[in-house]
Amino acid sequence: EVYSIDEAFLDLKGVMKLNQFSVDLRTRVGKWTGI
């Protein structure tokens, strides 16, 4: 759910390793966009 220009909610139902998933996602966004 895109909540605003700089925020989004994600449904992580079914994701097992929540912390690792979040760390990897954060790294990917930073690497691909610089944000």
PDB file of all heavy atoms in Angstrom:
ATOM      1  N   GLU A   1       0.870  -1.181   0.000  1.00  0.00           N
ATOM      2  CA  GLU A   1       0.000   0.000   0.000  1.00  0.00           C
ATOM      3  C   GLU A   1       0.904   1.227   0.000  1.00  0.00           C
ATOM      4  O   GLU A   1       1.621   1.464   0.969  1.00  0.00           O
ATOM      5  CB  GLU A   1      -0.903   0.034   1.231  1.00  0.00           C
ATOM      6  CG  GLU A   1      -1.724   1.328   1.329  1.00  0.00           C
ATOM      7  CD  GLU A   1      -2.396   1.511   2.678  1.00  0.00           C
ATOM      8  OE1 GLU A   1      -2.678   0.501   3.349  1.00  0.00           O
ATOM      9  OE2 GLU A   1      -2.644   2.677   3.060  1.00  0.00           O
ATOM     10  N   VAL A   2       0.886   1.976  -1.084  1.00  0.00           N
ATOM     11  CA  VAL A   2       1.660   3.215  -1.152  1.00  0.00           C
ATOM     12  C   VAL A   2       0.912   4.250  -0.333  1.00  0.00           C
ATOM     13  O   VAL A   2      -0.160   4.711  -0.717  1.00  0.00           O
ATOM     14  CB  VAL A   2       1.841   3.682  -2.608  1.00  0.00           C
ATOM     15  CG1 VAL A   2       2.620   4.993  -2.643  1.00  0.00           C
ATOM     16  CG2 VAL A   2       2.567   2.617  -3.422  1.00  0.00           C
ATOM     17  N   TYR A   3       1.485   4.612   0.807  1.00  0.00           N
ATOM     18  CA  TYR A   3       0.796   5.488   1.751  1.00  0.00           C
ATOM     19  C   TYR A   3       1.032   6.967   1.445  1.00  0.00           C
ATOM     20  O   TYR A   3       0.145   7.795   1.631  1.00  0.00           O
ATOM     21  CB  TYR A   3       1.252   5.157   3.171  1.00  0.00           C
ATOM     22  CG  TYR A   3       0.544   5.945   4.245  1.00  0.00           C
ATOM     23  CD1 TYR A   3      -0.823   5.761   4.480  1.00  0.00           C
ATOM     24  CD2 TYR A   3       1.227   6.877   5.017  1.00  0.00           C
ATOM     25  CE1 TYR A   3      -1.476   6.481   5.460  1.00  0.00           C
ATOM     26  CE2 TYR A   3       0.575   7.600   6.000  1.00  0.00           C
ATOM     27  CZ  TYR A   3      -0.767   7.409   6.222  1.00  0.00           C
ATOM     28  OH  TYR A   3      -1.421   8.128   7.188  1.00  0.00           O
ATOM     29  N   SER A   4       2.224   7.298   0.984  1.00  0.00           N
ATOM     30  CA  SER A   4       2.551   8.676   0.619  1.00  0.00           C
ATOM     31  C   SER A   4       3.734   8.643  -0.333  1.00  0.00           C
ATOM     32  O   SER A   4       4.186   7.560  -0.733  1.00  0.00           O
ATOM     33  CB  SER A   4       2.894   9.511   1.865  1.00  0.00           C
ATOM     34  OG  SER A   4       4.106   9.075   2.441  1.00  0.00           O
ATOM     35  N   ILE A   5       4.252   9.800  -0.691  1.00  0.00           N
ATOM     36  CA  ILE A   5       5.352   9.857  -1.647  1.00  0.00           C
ATOM     37  C   ILE A   5       6.593   9.153  -1.114  1.00  0.00           C
ATOM     38  O   ILE A   5       7.422   8.657  -1.887  1.00  0.00           O
ATOM     39  CB  ILE A   5       5.685  11.326  -2.018  1.00  0.00           C
ATOM     40  CG1 ILE A   5       6.633  11.387  -3.220  1.00  0.00           C
ATOM     41  CG2 ILE A   5       6.266  12.076  -0.823  1.00  0.00           C
ATOM     42  CD1 ILE A   5       6.849  12.774  -3.757  1.00  0.00           C
ATOM     43  N   ASP A   6       6.725   9.056   0.220  1.00  0.00           N
ATOM     44  CA  ASP A   6       7.941   8.450   0.785  1.00  0.00           C
ATOM     45  C   ASP A   6       7.659   7.328   1.790  1.00  0.00           C
ATOM     46  O   ASP A   6       8.547   6.920   2.528  1.00  0.00           O
ATOM     47  CB  ASP A   6       8.809   9.521   1.449  1.00  0.00           C
ATOM     48  CG  ASP A   6       8.106  10.219   2.610  1.00  0.00           C
ATOM     49  OD1 ASP A   6       6.888  10.033   2.756  1.00  0.00           O
ATOM     50  OD2 ASP A   6       8.783  10.941   3.365  1.00  0.00           O
ATOM     51  N   GLU A   7       6.435   6.802   1.810  1.00  0.00           N
ATOM     52  CA  GLU A   7       6.077   5.743   2.749  1.00  0.00           C
ATOM     53  C   GLU A   7       5.236   4.673   2.065  1.00  0.00           C
ATOM     54  O   GLU A   7       4.414   4.978   1.200  1.00  0.00           O
ATOM     55  CB  GLU A   7       5.264   6.294   3.920  1.00  0.00           C
ATOM     56  CG  GLU A   7       6.021   7.163   4.893  1.00  0.00           C
ATOM     57  CD  GLU A   7       5.105   7.665   5.994  1.00  0.00           C
ATOM     58  OE1 GLU A   7       4.277   8.552   5.720  1.00  0.00           O
ATOM     59  OE2 GLU A   7       5.203   7.154   7.127  1.00  0.00           O
ATOM     60  N   ALA A   8       5.421   3.442   2.506  1.00  0.00           N
ATOM     61  CA  ALA A   8       4.595   2.342   2.005  1.00  0.00           C
ATOM     62  C   ALA A   8       4.474   1.261   3.069  1.00  0.00           C
ATOM     63  O   ALA A   8       5.435   0.959   3.791  1.00  0.00           O
ATOM     64  CB  ALA A   8       5.188   1.751   0.733  1.00  0.00           C
ATOM     65  N   PHE A   9       3.267   0.689   3.175  1.00  0.00           N
ATOM     66  CA  PHE A   9       3.047  -0.464   4.035  1.00  0.00           C
ATOM     67  C   PHE A   9       3.192  -1.732   3.189  1.00  0.00           C
ATOM     68  O   PHE A   9       2.704  -1.776   2.055  1.00  0.00           O
ATOM     69  CB  PHE A   9       1.649  -0.433   4.650  1.00  0.00           C
ATOM     70  CG  PHE A   9       1.466   0.593   5.733  1.00  0.00           C
ATOM     71  CD1 PHE A   9       0.783   1.776   5.474  1.00  0.00           C
ATOM     72  CD2 PHE A   9       1.973   0.379   7.006  1.00  0.00           C
ATOM     73  CE1 PHE A   9       0.603   2.728   6.457  1.00  0.00           C
ATOM     74  CE2 PHE A   9       1.799   1.328   8.006  1.00  0.00           C
ATOM     75  CZ  PHE A   9       1.114   2.505   7.740  1.00  0.00           C
ATOM     76  N   LEU A  10       3.838  -2.748   3.759  1.00  0.00           N
ATOM     77  CA  LEU A  10       3.992  -4.030   3.074  1.00  0.00           C
ATOM     78  C   LEU A  10       3.331  -5.126   3.899  1.00  0.00           C
ATOM     79  O   LEU A  10       3.459  -5.153   5.136  1.00  0.00           O
ATOM     80  CB  LEU A  10       5.474  -4.376   2.887  1.00  0.00           C
ATOM     81  CG  LEU A  10       6.386  -3.314   2.246  1.00  0.00           C
ATOM     82  CD1 LEU A  10       7.807  -3.860   2.138  1.00  0.00           C
ATOM     83  CD2 LEU A  10       5.866  -2.904   0.887  1.00  0.00           C
ATOM     84  N   ASP A  11       2.633  -6.026   3.234  1.00  0.00           N
ATOM     85  CA  ASP A  11       2.070  -7.205   3.888  1.00  0.00           C
ATOM     86  C   ASP A  11       3.108  -8.324   3.780  1.00  0.00           C
ATOM     87  O   ASP A  11       3.408  -8.794   2.681  1.00  0.00           O
ATOM     88  CB  ASP A  11       0.769  -7.613   3.199  1.00  0.00           C
ATOM     89  CG  ASP A  11       0.075  -8.762   3.925  1.00  0.00           C
ATOM     90  OD1 ASP A  11       0.681  -9.342   4.845  1.00  0.00           O
ATOM     91  OD2 ASP A  11      -1.073  -9.077   3.565  1.00  0.00           O
ATOM     92  N   LEU A  12       3.665  -8.732   4.912  1.00  0.00           N
ATOM     93  CA  LEU A  12       4.736  -9.738   4.913  1.00  0.00           C
ATOM     94  C   LEU A  12       4.221 -11.125   5.285  1.00  0.00           C
ATOM     95  O   LEU A  12       4.968 -11.961   5.792  1.00  0.00           O
ATOM     96  CB  LEU A  12       5.848  -9.311   5.879  1.00  0.00           C
ATOM     97  CG  LEU A  12       6.500  -7.958   5.587  1.00  0.00           C
ATOM     98  CD1 LEU A  12       7.701  -7.745   6.496  1.00  0.00           C
ATOM     99  CD2 LEU A  12       6.917  -7.846   4.130  1.00  0.00           C
ATOM    100  N   LYS A  13       2.948 -11.351   5.030  1.00  0.00           N
ATOM    101  CA  LYS A  13       2.370 -12.669   5.299  1.00  0.00           C
ATOM    102  C   LYS A  13       3.119 -13.730   4.495  1.00  0.00           C
ATOM    103  O   LYS A  13       3.300 -13.613   3.281  1.00  0.00           O
ATOM    104  CB  LYS A  13       0.890 -12.669   4.915  1.00  0.00           C
ATOM    105  CG  LYS A  13       0.168 -13.974   5.240  1.00  0.00           C
ATOM    106  CD  LYS A  13      -1.307 -13.881   4.870  1.00  0.00           C
ATOM    107  CE  LYS A  13      -2.036 -15.171   5.214  1.00  0.00           C
ATOM    108  NZ  LYS A  13      -3.481 -15.082   4.846  1.00  0.00           N
ATOM    109  N   GLY A  14       3.562 -14.753   5.184  1.00  0.00           N
ATOM    110  CA  GLY A  14       4.277 -15.837   4.517  1.00  0.00           C
ATOM    111  C   GLY A  14       5.782 -15.677   4.516  1.00  0.00           C
ATOM    112  O   GLY A  14       6.509 -16.620   4.170  1.00  0.00           O
ATOM    113  N   VAL A  15       6.276 -14.503   4.875  1.00  0.00           N
ATOM    114  CA  VAL A  15       7.723 -14.282   4.939  1.00  0.00           C
ATOM    115  C   VAL A  15       8.247 -14.896   6.236  1.00  0.00           C
ATOM    116  O   VAL A  15       7.784 -14.557   7.326  1.00  0.00           O
ATOM    117  CB  VAL A  15       8.062 -12.775   4.885  1.00  0.00           C
ATOM    118  CG1 VAL A  15       9.564 -12.572   5.040  1.00  0.00           C
ATOM    119  CG2 VAL A  15       7.570 -12.173   3.573  1.00  0.00           C
ATOM    120  N   MET A  16       9.227 -15.774   6.138  1.00  0.00           N
ATOM    121  CA  MET A  16       9.711 -16.511   7.300  1.00  0.00           C
ATOM    122  C   MET A  16      10.756 -15.716   8.085  1.00  0.00           C
ATOM    123  O   MET A  16      10.596 -15.469   9.272  1.00  0.00           O
ATOM    124  CB  MET A  16      10.288 -17.864   6.858  1.00  0.00           C
ATOM    125  CG  MET A  16       9.281 -18.751   6.122  1.00  0.00           C
ATOM    126  SD  MET A  16       7.815 -19.126   7.129  1.00  0.00           S
ATOM    127  CE  MET A  16       8.546 -20.101   8.423  1.00  0.00           C
ATOM    128  N   LYS A  17      11.826 -15.328   7.435  1.00  0.00           N
ATOM    129  CA  LYS A  17      12.914 -14.609   8.103  1.00  0.00           C
ATOM    130  C   LYS A  17      12.692 -13.105   7.948  1.00  0.00           C
ATOM    131  O   LYS A  17      13.243 -12.454   7.056  1.00  0.00           O
ATOM    132  CB  LYS A  17      14.259 -15.032   7.518  1.00  0.00           C
ATOM    133  CG  LYS A  17      14.554 -16.518   7.699  1.00  0.00           C
ATOM    134  CD  LYS A  17      15.895 -16.901   7.100  1.00  0.00           C
ATOM    135  CE  LYS A  17      16.200 -18.380   7.305  1.00  0.00           C
ATOM    136  NZ  LYS A  17      17.507 -18.759   6.693  1.00  0.00           N
ATOM    137  N   LEU A  18      11.861 -12.557   8.835  1.00  0.00           N
ATOM    138  CA  LEU A  18      11.420 -11.165   8.703  1.00  0.00           C
ATOM    139  C   LEU A  18      12.567 -10.172   8.784  1.00  0.00           C
ATOM    140  O   LEU A  18      12.639  -9.227   7.991  1.00  0.00           O
ATOM    141  CB  LEU A  18      10.375 -10.859   9.781  1.00  0.00           C
ATOM    142  CG  LEU A  18       9.028 -11.568   9.636  1.00  0.00           C
ATOM    143  CD1 LEU A  18       8.208 -11.412  10.917  1.00  0.00           C
ATOM    144  CD2 LEU A  18       8.263 -11.001   8.446  1.00  0.00           C
ATOM    145  N   ASN A  19      13.464 -10.362   9.737  1.00  0.00           N
ATOM    146  CA  ASN A  19      14.563  -9.405   9.916  1.00  0.00           C
ATOM    147  C   ASN A  19      15.499  -9.421   8.712  1.00  0.00           C
ATOM    148  O   ASN A  19      15.877  -8.360   8.191  1.00  0.00           O
ATOM    149  CB  ASN A  19      15.332  -9.713  11.195  1.00  0.00           C
ATOM    150  CG  ASN A  19      16.201  -8.544  11.638  1.00  0.00           C
ATOM    151  OD1 ASN A  19      15.698  -7.548  12.155  1.00  0.00           O
ATOM    152  ND2 ASN A  19      17.502  -8.645  11.421  1.00  0.00           N
ATOM    153  N   GLN A  20      15.868 -10.616   8.262  1.00  0.00           N
ATOM    154  CA  GLN A  20      16.773 -10.725   7.123  1.00  0.00           C
ATOM    155  C   GLN A  20      16.119 -10.193   5.852  1.00  0.00           C
ATOM    156  O   GLN A  20      16.766  -9.515   5.039  1.00  0.00           O
ATOM    157  CB  GLN A  20      17.189 -12.188   6.917  1.00  0.00           C
ATOM    158  CG  GLN A  20      18.298 -12.376   5.881  1.00  0.00           C
ATOM    159  CD  GLN A  20      19.565 -11.635   6.249  1.00  0.00           C
ATOM    160  OE1 GLN A  20      20.050 -11.748   7.376  1.00  0.00           O
ATOM    161  NE2 GLN A  20      20.091 -10.848   5.330  1.00  0.00           N
ATOM    162  N   PHE A  21      14.829 -10.490   5.683  1.00  0.00           N
ATOM    163  CA  PHE A  21      14.086  -9.966   4.532  1.00  0.00           C
ATOM    164  C   PHE A  21      14.129  -8.442   4.518  1.00  0.00           C
ATOM    165  O   PHE A  21      14.365  -7.818   3.479  1.00  0.00           O
ATOM    166  CB  PHE A  21      12.638 -10.454   4.579  1.00  0.00           C
ATOM    167  CG  PHE A  21      11.748  -9.837   3.540  1.00  0.00           C
ATOM    168  CD1 PHE A  21      11.643 -10.392   2.271  1.00  0.00           C
ATOM    169  CD2 PHE A  21      11.014  -8.681   3.823  1.00  0.00           C
ATOM    170  CE1 PHE A  21      10.815  -9.816   1.306  1.00  0.00           C
ATOM    171  CE2 PHE A  21      10.197  -8.103   2.870  1.00  0.00           C
ATOM    172  CZ  PHE A  21      10.096  -8.665   1.605  1.00  0.00           C
ATOM    173  N   SER A  22      13.909  -7.819   5.685  1.00  0.00           N
ATOM    174  CA  SER A  22      13.875  -6.360   5.778  1.00  0.00           C
ATOM    175  C   SER A  22      15.240  -5.750   5.523  1.00  0.00           C
ATOM    176  O   SER A  22      15.361  -4.736   4.831  1.00  0.00           O
ATOM    177  CB  SER A  22      13.361  -5.945   7.164  1.00  0.00           C
ATOM    178  OG  SER A  22      12.073  -6.465   7.402  1.00  0.00           O
ATOM    179  N   VAL A  23      16.273  -6.382   6.070  1.00  0.00           N
ATOM    180  CA  VAL A  23      17.638  -5.883   5.850  1.00  0.00           C
ATOM    181  C   VAL A  23      17.999  -5.958   4.368  1.00  0.00           C
ATOM    182  O   VAL A  23      18.556  -5.014   3.797  1.00  0.00           O
ATOM    183  CB  VAL A  23      18.650  -6.681   6.693  1.00  0.00           C
ATOM    184  CG1 VAL A  23      20.087  -6.332   6.292  1.00  0.00           C
ATOM    185  CG2 VAL A  23      18.447  -6.401   8.184  1.00  0.00           C
ATOM    186  N   ASP A  24      17.671  -7.079   3.729  1.00  0.00           N
ATOM    187  CA  ASP A  24      17.970  -7.249   2.298  1.00  0.00           C
ATOM    188  C   ASP A  24      17.194  -6.243   1.451  1.00  0.00           C
ATOM    189  O   ASP A  24      17.733  -5.685   0.486  1.00  0.00           O
ATOM    190  CB  ASP A  24      17.622  -8.669   1.847  1.00  0.00           C
ATOM    191  CG  ASP A  24      18.543  -9.712   2.458  1.00  0.00           C
ATOM    192  OD1 ASP A  24      19.613  -9.325   2.976  1.00  0.00           O
ATOM    193  OD2 ASP A  24      18.186 -10.918   2.428  1.00  0.00           O
ATOM    194  N   LEU A  25      15.917  -6.011   1.810  1.00  0.00           N
ATOM    195  CA  LEU A  25      15.094  -5.060   1.060  1.00  0.00           C
ATOM    196  C   LEU A  25      15.648  -3.649   1.194  1.00  0.00           C
ATOM    197  O   LEU A  25      15.723  -2.903   0.209  1.00  0.00           O
ATOM    198  CB  LEU A  25      13.652  -5.122   1.558  1.00  0.00           C
ATOM    199  CG  LEU A  25      12.630  -4.238   0.835  1.00  0.00           C
ATOM    200  CD1 LEU A  25      12.532  -4.626  -0.635  1.00  0.00           C
ATOM    201  CD2 LEU A  25      11.259  -4.345   1.496  1.00  0.00           C
ATOM    202  N   ARG A  26      16.030  -3.284   2.399  1.00  0.00           N
ATOM    203  CA  ARG A  26      16.604  -1.958   2.634  1.00  0.00           C
ATOM    204  C   ARG A  26      17.898  -1.774   1.823  1.00  0.00           C
ATOM    205  O   ARG A  26      18.125  -0.718   1.221  1.00  0.00           O
ATOM    206  CB  ARG A  26      16.889  -1.761   4.117  1.00  0.00           C
ATOM    207  CG  ARG A  26      17.449  -0.397   4.469  1.00  0.00           C
ATOM    208  CD  ARG A  26      17.647  -0.266   5.971  1.00  0.00           C
ATOM    209  NE  ARG A  26      18.069   1.077   6.325  1.00  0.00           N
ATOM    210  CZ  ARG A  26      19.342   1.466   6.382  1.00  0.00           C
ATOM    211  NH1 ARG A  26      20.306   0.594   6.113  1.00  0.00           N
ATOM    212  NH2 ARG A  26      19.638   2.708   6.703  1.00  0.00           N
ATOM    213  N   THR A  27      18.724  -2.810   1.805  1.00  0.00           N
ATOM    214  CA  THR A  27      19.974  -2.749   1.045  1.00  0.00           C
ATOM    215  C   THR A  27      19.699  -2.592  -0.441  1.00  0.00           C
ATOM    216  O   THR A  27      20.359  -1.808  -1.137  1.00  0.00           O
ATOM    217  CB  THR A  27      20.805  -4.023   1.294  1.00  0.00           C
ATOM    218  OG1 THR A  27      21.077  -4.137   2.702  1.00  0.00           O
ATOM    219  CG2 THR A  27      22.118  -3.967   0.531  1.00  0.00           C
ATOM    220  N   ARG A  28      18.706  -3.332  -0.937  1.00  0.00           N
ATOM    221  CA  ARG A  28      18.375  -3.276  -2.366  1.00  0.00           C
ATOM    222  C   ARG A  28      17.883  -1.888  -2.764  1.00  0.00           C
ATOM    223  O   ARG A  28      18.298  -1.348  -3.790  1.00  0.00           O
ATOM    224  CB  ARG A  28      17.310  -4.329  -2.682  1.00  0.00           C
ATOM    225  CG  ARG A  28      17.102  -4.575  -4.183  1.00  0.00           C
ATOM    226  CD  ARG A  28      16.027  -5.609  -4.420  1.00  0.00           C
ATOM    227  NE  ARG A  28      16.227  -6.773  -3.572  1.00  0.00           N
ATOM    228  CZ  ARG A  28      15.279  -7.344  -2.843  1.00  0.00           C
ATOM    229  NH1 ARG A  28      14.051  -6.857  -2.848  1.00  0.00           N
ATOM    230  NH2 ARG A  28      15.547  -8.407  -2.111  1.00  0.00           N
ATOM    231  N   VAL A  29      17.005  -1.295  -1.963  1.00  0.00           N
ATOM    232  CA  VAL A  29      16.501   0.051  -2.275  1.00  0.00           C
ATOM    233  C   VAL A  29      17.644   1.058  -2.285  1.00  0.00           C
ATOM    234  O   VAL A  29      17.760   1.887  -3.189  1.00  0.00           O
ATOM    235  CB  VAL A  29      15.426   0.481  -1.256  1.00  0.00           C
ATOM    236  CG1 VAL A  29      15.052   1.949  -1.457  1.00  0.00           C
ATOM    237  CG2 VAL A  29      14.184  -0.385  -1.383  1.00  0.00           C
ATOM    238  N   GLY A  30      18.523   0.975  -1.285  1.00  0.00           N
ATOM    239  CA  GLY A  30      19.649   1.900  -1.220  1.00  0.00           C
ATOM    240  C   GLY A  30      20.605   1.739  -2.383  1.00  0.00           C
ATOM    241  O   GLY A  30      21.095   2.727  -2.950  1.00  0.00           O
ATOM    242  N   LYS A  31      20.859   0.491  -2.775  1.00  0.00           N
ATOM    243  CA  LYS A  31      21.803   0.221  -3.861  1.00  0.00           C
ATOM    244  C   LYS A  31      21.243   0.624  -5.212  1.00  0.00           C
ATOM    245  O   LYS A  31      21.961   1.153  -6.070  1.00  0.00           O
ATOM    246  CB  LYS A  31      22.157  -1.270  -3.859  1.00  0.00           C
ATOM    247  CG  LYS A  31      23.259  -1.652  -4.830  1.00  0.00           C
ATOM    248  CD  LYS A  31      23.631  -3.123  -4.676  1.00  0.00           C
ATOM    249  CE  LYS A  31      24.772  -3.512  -5.627  1.00  0.00           C
ATOM    250  NZ  LYS A  31      25.143  -4.948  -5.462  1.00  0.00           N
ATOM    251  N   TRP A  32      19.957   0.398  -5.440  1.00  0.00           N
ATOM    252  CA  TRP A  32      19.363   0.641  -6.752  1.00  0.00           C
ATOM    253  C   TRP A  32      18.888   2.082  -6.951  1.00  0.00           C
ATOM    254  O   TRP A  32      18.737   2.527  -8.093  1.00  0.00           O
ATOM    255  CB  TRP A  32      18.203  -0.315  -6.987  1.00  0.00           C
ATOM    256  CG  TRP A  32      18.632  -1.747  -7.145  1.00  0.00           C
ATOM    257  CD1 TRP A  32      19.901  -2.250  -7.036  1.00  0.00           C
ATOM    258  CD2 TRP A  32      17.796  -2.872  -7.432  1.00  0.00           C
ATOM    259  NE1 TRP A  32      19.916  -3.599  -7.222  1.00  0.00           N
ATOM    260  CE2 TRP A  32      18.634  -4.022  -7.474  1.00  0.00           C
ATOM    261  CE3 TRP A  32      16.442  -3.035  -7.639  1.00  0.00           C
ATOM    262  CZ2 TRP A  32      18.140  -5.304  -7.731  1.00  0.00           C
ATOM    263  CZ3 TRP A  32      15.940  -4.314  -7.893  1.00  0.00           C
ATOM    264  CH2 TRP A  32      16.779  -5.429  -7.944  1.00  0.00           C
ATOM    265  N   THR A  33      18.610   2.793  -5.862  1.00  0.00           N
ATOM    266  CA  THR A  33      18.103   4.164  -6.016  1.00  0.00           C
ATOM    267  C   THR A  33      18.956   5.216  -5.314  1.00  0.00           C
ATOM    268  O   THR A  33      18.864   6.393  -5.640  1.00  0.00           O
ATOM    269  CB  THR A  33      16.668   4.286  -5.450  1.00  0.00           C
ATOM    270  OG1 THR A  33      16.703   4.119  -4.022  1.00  0.00           O
ATOM    271  CG2 THR A  33      15.738   3.261  -6.072  1.00  0.00           C
ATOM    272  N   GLY A  34      19.751   4.807  -4.334  1.00  0.00           N
ATOM    273  CA  GLY A  34      20.526   5.774  -3.567  1.00  0.00           C
ATOM    274  C   GLY A  34      19.751   6.396  -2.423  1.00  0.00           C
ATOM    275  O   GLY A  34      20.263   7.269  -1.720  1.00  0.00           O
ATOM    276  N   ILE A  35      18.505   5.952  -2.223  1.00  0.00           N
ATOM    277  CA  ILE A  35      17.649   6.513  -1.165  1.00  0.00           C
ATOM    278  C   ILE A  35      17.720   5.627   0.079  1.00  0.00           C
ATOM    279  O   ILE A  35      17.379   4.442   0.014  1.00  0.00           O
ATOM    280  CB  ILE A  35      16.182   6.618  -1.633  1.00  0.00           C
ATOM    281  CG1 ILE A  35      16.070   7.505  -2.873  1.00  0.00           C
ATOM    282  CG2 ILE A  35      15.301   7.168  -0.505  1.00  0.00           C
ATOM    283  CD1 ILE A  35      16.448   8.949  -2.659  1.00  0.00           C
TER     284      ILE A  35
END
